[in-house]
């Protein structure tokens, strides 16, 4: 079976630099994959990606060595199995608040006897190899999102679930749940303390810890704390940020000669991606 490079990086003690995909396009996903991320996660919870778009995006990623991952919309066993059958090599599941929810998530991603995933890998066999059925359980990654006060109260119960590979912090929802703001790069002392508590619990249970970030600087800081999986923004935010930077450079440098005039009304903000 094709190796999971995310697992290989973790075995070497490294941190995975993960990209995030919210634009429902195989071409866009293929373009992002050319940037050389360690992994790319197709986001089906927020944004506009449906199942058929996700399959096309997995095909686009597969033109490179980037590891294809996906965030499922919710704890829905059918979608978990369909995305794995389509070739996702790992899944992130939002809003895991209890041990029972985590068991349901992990079980849906593992074939018996480790879980109850139904057999029918389809494209996963084309991508992973003829021995997919024999090696899928040890290759596929499961990461439970910890992003609520309730999850904070159940950290040990959640993280002691067998065959869970890691956790992933959603800083925006975590901030909201703790009475703060929905930010990516959290600086609120209360939220930062919660992030450190989650990280310490993951390390205690020998799980990999991931977090969504809004800047490379914050992502590097998280790696220095001990996170082994960091996401920076998403595809649409990166596109918007670079477009704004280019337009601003042109307006500043053209001196009004040959450059389009600034619009009368400012466009909607784009560029943050706390998720």
C-alpha atoms as a PDB file:
ATOM      1  CA  UNK A   1       0.000   0.000   0.000  1.00  0.00           C
ATOM      2  CA  UNK A   2       1.168   3.544  -0.745  1.00  0.00           C
ATOM      3  CA  UNK A   3       2.790   5.000   2.376  1.00  0.00           C
ATOM      4  CA  UNK A   4       1.172   7.789   4.372  1.00  0.00           C
ATOM      5  CA  UNK A   5       3.796  10.537   4.436  1.00  0.00           C
ATOM      6  CA  UNK A   6       2.114  12.226   7.393  1.00  0.00           C
ATOM      7  CA  UNK A   7       2.851   9.134   9.462  1.00  0.00           C
ATOM      8  CA  UNK A   8       6.406   9.062   8.134  1.00  0.00           C
ATOM      9  CA  UNK A   9       7.004  12.674   9.204  1.00  0.00           C
ATOM     10  CA  UNK A  10       5.628  11.929  12.655  1.00  0.00           C
ATOM     11  CA  UNK A  11       7.847   8.874  13.005  1.00  0.00           C
ATOM     12  CA  UNK A  12      10.861  11.071  12.260  1.00  0.00           C
ATOM     13  CA  UNK A  13       9.755  13.468  14.980  1.00  0.00           C
ATOM     14  CA  UNK A  14       8.832  16.220  12.522  1.00  0.00           C
ATOM     15  CA  UNK A  15       5.844  18.525  12.173  1.00  0.00           C
ATOM     16  CA  UNK A  16       3.439  18.298   9.231  1.00  0.00           C
ATOM     17  CA  UNK A  17       2.782  21.521   7.287  1.00  0.00           C
ATOM     18  CA  UNK A  18      -0.815  21.117   6.162  1.00  0.00           C
ATOM     19  CA  UNK A  19      -2.747  23.109   3.584  1.00  0.00           C
ATOM     20  CA  UNK A  20      -6.512  23.632   3.667  1.00  0.00           C
ATOM     21  CA  UNK A  21      -8.879  23.431   0.700  1.00  0.00           C
ATOM     22  CA  UNK A  22     -12.264  25.116   0.574  1.00  0.00           C
ATOM     23  CA  UNK A  23     -12.525  25.930  -3.141  1.00  0.00           C
ATOM     24  CA  UNK A  24     -14.581  23.130  -4.765  1.00  0.00           C
ATOM     25  CA  UNK A  25     -12.289  22.508  -7.727  1.00  0.00           C
ATOM     26  CA  UNK A  26      -9.980  19.696  -8.764  1.00  0.00           C
ATOM     27  CA  UNK A  27      -7.874  22.190 -10.714  1.00  0.00           C
ATOM     28  CA  UNK A  28      -7.496  24.464  -7.695  1.00  0.00           C
ATOM     29  CA  UNK A  29      -6.587  21.489  -5.486  1.00  0.00           C
ATOM     30  CA  UNK A  30      -3.996  20.335  -8.018  1.00  0.00           C
ATOM     31  CA  UNK A  31      -2.566  23.847  -8.139  1.00  0.00           C
ATOM     32  CA  UNK A  32      -2.307  23.994  -4.339  1.00  0.00           C
ATOM     33  CA  UNK A  33      -0.639  20.585  -4.311  1.00  0.00           C
ATOM     34  CA  UNK A  34       2.101  21.973  -6.568  1.00  0.00           C
ATOM     35  CA  UNK A  35       3.186  24.224  -3.674  1.00  0.00           C
ATOM     36  CA  UNK A  36       4.668  21.234  -1.892  1.00  0.00           C
ATOM     37  CA  UNK A  37       2.571  20.970   1.275  1.00  0.00           C
ATOM     38  CA  UNK A  38       3.136  17.823   3.327  1.00  0.00           C
ATOM     39  CA  UNK A  39      -0.617  17.237   3.257  1.00  0.00           C
ATOM     40  CA  UNK A  40      -3.765  18.935   2.012  1.00  0.00           C
ATOM     41  CA  UNK A  41      -7.094  18.741   3.824  1.00  0.00           C
ATOM     42  CA  UNK A  42     -10.342  19.032   1.889  1.00  0.00           C
ATOM     43  CA  UNK A  43     -12.801  20.906   4.094  1.00  0.00           C
ATOM     44  CA  UNK A  44     -16.335  19.590   3.823  1.00  0.00           C
ATOM     45  CA  UNK A  45     -17.611  21.176   7.032  1.00  0.00           C
ATOM     46  CA  UNK A  46     -17.317  24.849   6.105  1.00  0.00           C
ATOM     47  CA  UNK A  47     -17.105  26.285   2.613  1.00  0.00           C
ATOM     48  CA  UNK A  48     -18.680  24.905  -0.525  1.00  0.00           C
ATOM     49  CA  UNK A  49     -17.226  21.446  -1.112  1.00  0.00           C
ATOM     50  CA  UNK A  50     -19.650  18.589  -1.801  1.00  0.00           C
ATOM     51  CA  UNK A  51     -18.824  14.914  -2.178  1.00  0.00           C
ATOM     52  CA  UNK A  52     -18.363  14.904  -5.958  1.00  0.00           C
ATOM     53  CA  UNK A  53     -16.125  17.970  -5.764  1.00  0.00           C
ATOM     54  CA  UNK A  54     -14.136  16.264  -3.021  1.00  0.00           C
ATOM     55  CA  UNK A  55     -13.511  13.243  -5.259  1.00  0.00           C
ATOM     56  CA  UNK A  56     -12.236  15.518  -8.031  1.00  0.00           C
ATOM     57  CA  UNK A  57     -10.035  17.339  -5.526  1.00  0.00           C
ATOM     58  CA  UNK A  58      -8.580  14.041  -4.322  1.00  0.00           C
ATOM     59  CA  UNK A  59      -7.777  13.232  -7.950  1.00  0.00           C
ATOM     60  CA  UNK A  60      -6.049  16.600  -8.321  1.00  0.00           C
ATOM     61  CA  UNK A  61      -3.942  16.093  -5.197  1.00  0.00           C
ATOM     62  CA  UNK A  62      -2.999  12.623  -6.422  1.00  0.00           C
ATOM     63  CA  UNK A  63      -0.957  14.111  -9.268  1.00  0.00           C
ATOM     64  CA  UNK A  64       1.652  14.900  -6.576  1.00  0.00           C
ATOM     65  CA  UNK A  65       3.215  13.238  -3.533  1.00  0.00           C
ATOM     66  CA  UNK A  66       1.105  15.355  -1.153  1.00  0.00           C
ATOM     67  CA  UNK A  67      -0.924  13.277   1.316  1.00  0.00           C
ATOM     68  CA  UNK A  68      -4.699  13.738   0.811  1.00  0.00           C
ATOM     69  CA  UNK A  69      -6.812  14.329   3.923  1.00  0.00           C
ATOM     70  CA  UNK A  70     -10.359  15.545   4.520  1.00  0.00           C
ATOM     71  CA  UNK A  71     -12.430  17.141   7.244  1.00  0.00           C
ATOM     72  CA  UNK A  72     -15.848  15.536   7.335  1.00  0.00           C
ATOM     73  CA  UNK A  73     -18.935  17.759   7.762  1.00  0.00           C
ATOM     74  CA  UNK A  74     -19.897  16.150  11.061  1.00  0.00           C
ATOM     75  CA  UNK A  75     -19.839  12.834  12.877  1.00  0.00           C
ATOM     76  CA  UNK A  76     -21.624  11.070  10.022  1.00  0.00           C
ATOM     77  CA  UNK A  77     -20.434   7.514   9.576  1.00  0.00           C
ATOM     78  CA  UNK A  78     -21.611   7.246   5.975  1.00  0.00           C
ATOM     79  CA  UNK A  79     -19.566  10.264   4.866  1.00  0.00           C
ATOM     80  CA  UNK A  80     -16.547   9.063   6.829  1.00  0.00           C
ATOM     81  CA  UNK A  81     -16.602   5.768   4.935  1.00  0.00           C
ATOM     82  CA  UNK A  82     -17.301   7.354   1.533  1.00  0.00           C
ATOM     83  CA  UNK A  83     -14.366   9.765   1.817  1.00  0.00           C
ATOM     84  CA  UNK A  84     -12.022   6.948   2.777  1.00  0.00           C
ATOM     85  CA  UNK A  85     -13.350   4.861  -0.113  1.00  0.00           C
ATOM     86  CA  UNK A  86     -12.620   7.844  -2.379  1.00  0.00           C
ATOM     87  CA  UNK A  87      -8.971   7.841  -1.341  1.00  0.00           C
ATOM     88  CA  UNK A  88      -8.583  10.171   1.641  1.00  0.00           C
ATOM     89  CA  UNK A  89      -5.624   8.991   3.705  1.00  0.00           C
ATOM     90  CA  UNK A  90      -6.810  10.608   6.894  1.00  0.00           C
ATOM     91  CA  UNK A  91      -9.850  12.318   8.379  1.00  0.00           C
ATOM     92  CA  UNK A  92     -10.451  15.188  10.779  1.00  0.00           C
ATOM     93  CA  UNK A  93     -13.827  15.098  12.538  1.00  0.00           C
ATOM     94  CA  UNK A  94     -15.309  18.272  14.081  1.00  0.00           C
ATOM     95  CA  UNK A  95     -16.961  18.744  17.462  1.00  0.00           C
ATOM     96  CA  UNK A  96     -15.876  15.576  19.237  1.00  0.00           C
ATOM     97  CA  UNK A  97     -17.054  16.148  22.802  1.00  0.00           C
ATOM     98  CA  UNK A  98     -17.282  12.715  24.422  1.00  0.00           C
ATOM     99  CA  UNK A  99     -15.620   9.330  24.439  1.00  0.00           C
ATOM    100  CA  UNK A 100     -18.664   7.769  22.752  1.00  0.00           C
ATOM    101  CA  UNK A 101     -18.469  10.264  19.883  1.00  0.00           C
ATOM    102  CA  UNK A 102     -14.764   9.600  19.458  1.00  0.00           C
ATOM    103  CA  UNK A 103     -15.336   5.835  19.447  1.00  0.00           C
ATOM    104  CA  UNK A 104     -18.001   6.234  16.774  1.00  0.00           C
ATOM    105  CA  UNK A 105     -15.634   8.329  14.650  1.00  0.00           C
ATOM    106  CA  UNK A 106     -12.637   6.018  14.938  1.00  0.00           C
ATOM    107  CA  UNK A 107     -14.771   2.899  14.493  1.00  0.00           C
ATOM    108  CA  UNK A 108     -16.213   4.165  11.217  1.00  0.00           C
ATOM    109  CA  UNK A 109     -12.686   4.663   9.865  1.00  0.00           C
ATOM    110  CA  UNK A 110     -11.374   1.170  10.722  1.00  0.00           C
ATOM    111  CA  UNK A 111     -12.189  -2.223   9.266  1.00  0.00           C
ATOM    112  CA  UNK A 112     -13.118  -5.046  11.682  1.00  0.00           C
ATOM    113  CA  UNK A 113     -11.976  -6.073  14.185  1.00  0.00           C
ATOM    114  CA  UNK A 114     -10.723  -2.556  15.039  1.00  0.00           C
ATOM    115  CA  UNK A 115     -13.927  -0.892  13.854  1.00  0.00           C
ATOM    116  CA  UNK A 116     -17.004  -1.264  11.701  1.00  0.00           C
ATOM    117  CA  UNK A 117     -16.034   0.380   8.415  1.00  0.00           C
ATOM    118  CA  UNK A 118     -17.900  -1.300   5.568  1.00  0.00           C
ATOM    119  CA  UNK A 119     -15.749  -2.778   2.813  1.00  0.00           C
ATOM    120  CA  UNK A 120     -15.835  -1.195  -0.630  1.00  0.00           C
ATOM    121  CA  UNK A 121     -12.699   0.958  -1.052  1.00  0.00           C
ATOM    122  CA  UNK A 122     -13.253   1.688  -4.760  1.00  0.00           C
ATOM    123  CA  UNK A 123     -10.900   4.561  -5.683  1.00  0.00           C
ATOM    124  CA  UNK A 124      -8.931   4.031  -2.457  1.00  0.00           C
ATOM    125  CA  UNK A 125      -7.589   0.789  -3.919  1.00  0.00           C
ATOM    126  CA  UNK A 126      -6.573   2.516  -7.163  1.00  0.00           C
ATOM    127  CA  UNK A 127      -4.742   5.178  -5.175  1.00  0.00           C
ATOM    128  CA  UNK A 128      -3.453   3.104  -2.262  1.00  0.00           C
ATOM    129  CA  UNK A 129      -2.687  -0.216  -3.912  1.00  0.00           C
ATOM    130  CA  UNK A 130      -3.999  -3.767  -4.251  1.00  0.00           C
ATOM    131  CA  UNK A 131      -3.225  -4.562  -0.585  1.00  0.00           C
ATOM    132  CA  UNK A 132      -5.311  -1.633   0.665  1.00  0.00           C
ATOM    133  CA  UNK A 133      -7.687  -3.859   2.645  1.00  0.00           C
ATOM    134  CA  UNK A 134      -4.842  -5.481   4.559  1.00  0.00           C
ATOM    135  CA  UNK A 135      -3.012  -2.242   5.446  1.00  0.00           C
ATOM    136  CA  UNK A 136      -5.682   0.467   5.590  1.00  0.00           C
ATOM    137  CA  UNK A 137      -6.142   0.271   9.371  1.00  0.00           C
ATOM    138  CA  UNK A 138      -2.473   0.959  10.028  1.00  0.00           C
ATOM    139  CA  UNK A 139      -2.194   3.618   7.317  1.00  0.00           C
ATOM    140  CA  UNK A 140      -5.315   5.794   7.631  1.00  0.00           C
ATOM    141  CA  UNK A 141      -5.149   8.649  10.159  1.00  0.00           C
ATOM    142  CA  UNK A 142      -7.970   9.750  12.469  1.00  0.00           C
ATOM    143  CA  UNK A 143      -7.875  13.145  14.204  1.00  0.00           C
ATOM    144  CA  UNK A 144     -10.657  14.296  16.532  1.00  0.00           C
ATOM    145  CA  UNK A 145     -11.339  18.016  16.786  1.00  0.00           C
ATOM    146  CA  UNK A 146     -11.245  19.419  20.325  1.00  0.00           C
ATOM    147  CA  UNK A 147     -13.002  22.770  20.225  1.00  0.00           C
ATOM    148  CA  UNK A 148     -15.514  23.092  23.057  1.00  0.00           C
ATOM    149  CA  UNK A 149     -15.636  23.463  26.835  1.00  0.00           C
ATOM    150  CA  UNK A 150     -17.382  20.095  27.013  1.00  0.00           C
ATOM    151  CA  UNK A 151     -14.485  18.447  25.198  1.00  0.00           C
ATOM    152  CA  UNK A 152     -12.049  20.121  27.617  1.00  0.00           C
ATOM    153  CA  UNK A 153     -13.919  18.458  30.475  1.00  0.00           C
ATOM    154  CA  UNK A 154     -13.587  15.058  28.766  1.00  0.00           C
ATOM    155  CA  UNK A 155     -10.007  15.171  27.456  1.00  0.00           C
ATOM    156  CA  UNK A 156      -8.770  11.968  29.077  1.00  0.00           C
ATOM    157  CA  UNK A 157     -11.876  10.019  28.083  1.00  0.00           C
ATOM    158  CA  UNK A 158     -11.634  11.199  24.476  1.00  0.00           C
ATOM    159  CA  UNK A 159      -7.896  10.758  24.111  1.00  0.00           C
ATOM    160  CA  UNK A 160      -7.830   7.269  25.585  1.00  0.00           C
ATOM    161  CA  UNK A 161      -9.928   5.885  22.706  1.00  0.00           C
ATOM    162  CA  UNK A 162      -8.017   3.067  21.046  1.00  0.00           C
ATOM    163  CA  UNK A 163      -6.764   3.663  17.483  1.00  0.00           C
ATOM    164  CA  UNK A 164      -7.222   7.447  17.667  1.00  0.00           C
ATOM    165  CA  UNK A 165      -4.117   8.961  16.062  1.00  0.00           C
ATOM    166  CA  UNK A 166      -4.369  12.595  17.029  1.00  0.00           C
ATOM    167  CA  UNK A 167      -6.422  15.636  17.939  1.00  0.00           C
ATOM    168  CA  UNK A 168      -6.944  18.888  16.079  1.00  0.00           C
ATOM    169  CA  UNK A 169      -7.762  22.182  17.766  1.00  0.00           C
ATOM    170  CA  UNK A 170     -10.338  24.473  16.212  1.00  0.00           C
ATOM    171  CA  UNK A 171      -9.316  27.798  17.810  1.00  0.00           C
ATOM    172  CA  UNK A 172     -12.362  29.762  16.629  1.00  0.00           C
ATOM    173  CA  UNK A 173     -14.979  27.475  18.154  1.00  0.00           C
ATOM    174  CA  UNK A 174     -12.798  26.933  21.209  1.00  0.00           C
ATOM    175  CA  UNK A 175     -12.678  30.692  21.722  1.00  0.00           C
ATOM    176  CA  UNK A 176     -16.448  31.012  21.378  1.00  0.00           C
ATOM    177  CA  UNK A 177     -17.077  28.115  23.736  1.00  0.00           C
ATOM    178  CA  UNK A 178     -14.910  29.757  26.394  1.00  0.00           C
ATOM    179  CA  UNK A 179     -16.635  33.113  26.065  1.00  0.00           C
ATOM    180  CA  UNK A 180     -14.016  34.694  23.824  1.00  0.00           C
ATOM    181  CA  UNK A 181     -13.766  35.573  20.152  1.00  0.00           C
ATOM    182  CA  UNK A 182     -13.617  33.243  17.128  1.00  0.00           C
ATOM    183  CA  UNK A 183      -9.982  33.853  16.145  1.00  0.00           C
ATOM    184  CA  UNK A 184      -7.327  31.809  14.448  1.00  0.00           C
ATOM    185  CA  UNK A 185      -4.132  32.975  16.151  1.00  0.00           C
ATOM    186  CA  UNK A 186      -5.450  33.066  19.698  1.00  0.00           C
ATOM    187  CA  UNK A 187      -3.849  35.402  22.240  1.00  0.00           C
ATOM    188  CA  UNK A 188      -6.701  35.466  24.778  1.00  0.00           C
ATOM    189  CA  UNK A 189      -5.039  34.111  27.961  1.00  0.00           C
ATOM    190  CA  UNK A 190      -8.040  31.907  28.753  1.00  0.00           C
ATOM    191  CA  UNK A 191      -8.015  30.308  25.299  1.00  0.00           C
ATOM    192  CA  UNK A 192      -4.227  30.005  25.207  1.00  0.00           C
ATOM    193  CA  UNK A 193      -4.351  28.177  28.546  1.00  0.00           C
ATOM    194  CA  UNK A 194      -6.925  25.786  27.088  1.00  0.00           C
ATOM    195  CA  UNK A 195      -4.749  25.177  24.012  1.00  0.00           C
ATOM    196  CA  UNK A 196      -1.797  24.325  26.251  1.00  0.00           C
ATOM    197  CA  UNK A 197      -3.991  22.031  28.345  1.00  0.00           C
ATOM    198  CA  UNK A 198      -5.148  20.152  25.228  1.00  0.00           C
ATOM    199  CA  UNK A 199      -1.571  19.854  23.955  1.00  0.00           C
ATOM    200  CA  UNK A 200      -0.355  18.503  27.296  1.00  0.00           C
ATOM    201  CA  UNK A 201      -3.165  15.930  27.362  1.00  0.00           C
ATOM    202  CA  UNK A 202      -2.329  14.805  23.818  1.00  0.00           C
ATOM    203  CA  UNK A 203       1.328  14.382  24.742  1.00  0.00           C
ATOM    204  CA  UNK A 204       0.334  12.443  27.851  1.00  0.00           C
ATOM    205  CA  UNK A 205      -1.701  10.031  25.712  1.00  0.00           C
ATOM    206  CA  UNK A 206       1.011   9.887  23.022  1.00  0.00           C
ATOM    207  CA  UNK A 207      -1.270  11.422  20.382  1.00  0.00           C
ATOM    208  CA  UNK A 208      -0.277  13.865  17.666  1.00  0.00           C
ATOM    209  CA  UNK A 209      -1.577  17.381  18.225  1.00  0.00           C
ATOM    210  CA  UNK A 210      -2.698  19.658  15.394  1.00  0.00           C
ATOM    211  CA  UNK A 211      -4.016  23.209  15.250  1.00  0.00           C
ATOM    212  CA  UNK A 212      -5.406  25.645  12.677  1.00  0.00           C
ATOM    213  CA  UNK A 213      -3.413  28.884  12.350  1.00  0.00           C
ATOM    214  CA  UNK A 214      -3.877  32.176  10.526  1.00  0.00           C
ATOM    215  CA  UNK A 215      -0.208  32.942   9.901  1.00  0.00           C
ATOM    216  CA  UNK A 216       3.096  31.144   9.353  1.00  0.00           C
ATOM    217  CA  UNK A 217       4.529  32.958  12.366  1.00  0.00           C
ATOM    218  CA  UNK A 218       1.882  31.561  14.694  1.00  0.00           C
ATOM    219  CA  UNK A 219       2.209  28.107  13.134  1.00  0.00           C
ATOM    220  CA  UNK A 220       5.944  28.107  13.803  1.00  0.00           C
ATOM    221  CA  UNK A 221       5.237  29.160  17.375  1.00  0.00           C
ATOM    222  CA  UNK A 222       2.851  26.234  17.750  1.00  0.00           C
ATOM    223  CA  UNK A 223       5.497  23.845  16.456  1.00  0.00           C
ATOM    224  CA  UNK A 224       7.915  25.223  19.049  1.00  0.00           C
ATOM    225  CA  UNK A 225       5.309  24.390  21.707  1.00  0.00           C
ATOM    226  CA  UNK A 226       5.171  20.797  20.508  1.00  0.00           C
ATOM    227  CA  UNK A 227       2.398  20.666  17.892  1.00  0.00           C
ATOM    228  CA  UNK A 228       3.157  18.156  15.120  1.00  0.00           C
ATOM    229  CA  UNK A 229       0.497  19.204  12.622  1.00  0.00           C
ATOM    230  CA  UNK A 230      -0.152  22.831  11.674  1.00  0.00           C
ATOM    231  CA  UNK A 231      -2.487  24.340   9.090  1.00  0.00           C
ATOM    232  CA  UNK A 232      -1.988  27.862   7.754  1.00  0.00           C
ATOM    233  CA  UNK A 233      -5.121  29.680   6.509  1.00  0.00           C
ATOM    234  CA  UNK A 234      -6.890  28.072   3.512  1.00  0.00           C
ATOM    235  CA  UNK A 235      -6.742  28.280  -0.262  1.00  0.00           C
ATOM    236  CA  UNK A 236      -9.256  31.105  -0.652  1.00  0.00           C
ATOM    237  CA  UNK A 237      -7.621  33.201   2.087  1.00  0.00           C
ATOM    238  CA  UNK A 238      -4.158  32.718   0.574  1.00  0.00           C
ATOM    239  CA  UNK A 239      -5.541  33.705  -2.832  1.00  0.00           C
ATOM    240  CA  UNK A 240      -7.278  36.777  -1.412  1.00  0.00           C
ATOM    241  CA  UNK A 241      -4.231  37.869   0.591  1.00  0.00           C
ATOM    242  CA  UNK A 242      -1.898  37.659  -2.403  1.00  0.00           C
ATOM    243  CA  UNK A 243      -4.410  39.404  -4.657  1.00  0.00           C
ATOM    244  CA  UNK A 244      -4.787  42.267  -2.166  1.00  0.00           C
ATOM    245  CA  UNK A 245      -1.014  42.536  -1.810  1.00  0.00           C
ATOM    246  CA  UNK A 246      -0.588  42.723  -5.587  1.00  0.00           C
ATOM    247  CA  UNK A 247      -3.304  45.350  -6.021  1.00  0.00           C
ATOM    248  CA  UNK A 248      -1.928  47.444  -3.152  1.00  0.00           C
ATOM    249  CA  UNK A 249       1.561  47.358  -4.675  1.00  0.00           C
ATOM    250  CA  UNK A 250       0.205  48.513  -8.017  1.00  0.00           C
ATOM    251  CA  UNK A 251      -1.807  51.356  -6.524  1.00  0.00           C
ATOM    252  CA  UNK A 252       1.145  52.560  -4.471  1.00  0.00           C
ATOM    253  CA  UNK A 253       3.667  52.294  -7.289  1.00  0.00           C
ATOM    254  CA  UNK A 254       1.740  53.542 -10.294  1.00  0.00           C
ATOM    255  CA  UNK A 255       1.173  57.018  -8.908  1.00  0.00           C
ATOM    256  CA  UNK A 256      -2.250  57.138 -10.488  1.00  0.00           C
ATOM    257  CA  UNK A 257      -0.890  56.714 -14.014  1.00  0.00           C
ATOM    258  CA  UNK A 258      -2.266  53.683 -15.767  1.00  0.00           C
ATOM    259  CA  UNK A 259      -3.525  52.080 -12.570  1.00  0.00           C
ATOM    260  CA  UNK A 260      -7.184  51.527 -11.873  1.00  0.00           C
ATOM    261  CA  UNK A 261      -8.614  53.893  -9.323  1.00  0.00           C
ATOM    262  CA  UNK A 262      -9.497  52.568  -5.906  1.00  0.00           C
ATOM    263  CA  UNK A 263     -13.153  51.481  -5.694  1.00  0.00           C
ATOM    264  CA  UNK A 264     -15.472  53.876  -3.937  1.00  0.00           C
ATOM    265  CA  UNK A 265     -16.621  51.151  -1.567  1.00  0.00           C
ATOM    266  CA  UNK A 266     -14.258  48.741   0.121  1.00  0.00           C
ATOM    267  CA  UNK A 267     -14.795  45.071  -0.663  1.00  0.00           C
ATOM    268  CA  UNK A 268     -15.733  42.558   1.989  1.00  0.00           C
ATOM    269  CA  UNK A 269     -12.921  41.462   4.230  1.00  0.00           C
ATOM    270  CA  UNK A 270     -11.114  38.283   3.270  1.00  0.00           C
ATOM    271  CA  UNK A 271      -7.928  36.764   4.513  1.00  0.00           C
ATOM    272  CA  UNK A 272      -8.603  35.330   7.935  1.00  0.00           C
ATOM    273  CA  UNK A 273      -9.343  31.642   8.314  1.00  0.00           C
ATOM    274  CA  UNK A 274      -9.775  30.645  11.971  1.00  0.00           C
ATOM    275  CA  UNK A 275     -11.790  27.442  11.328  1.00  0.00           C
END
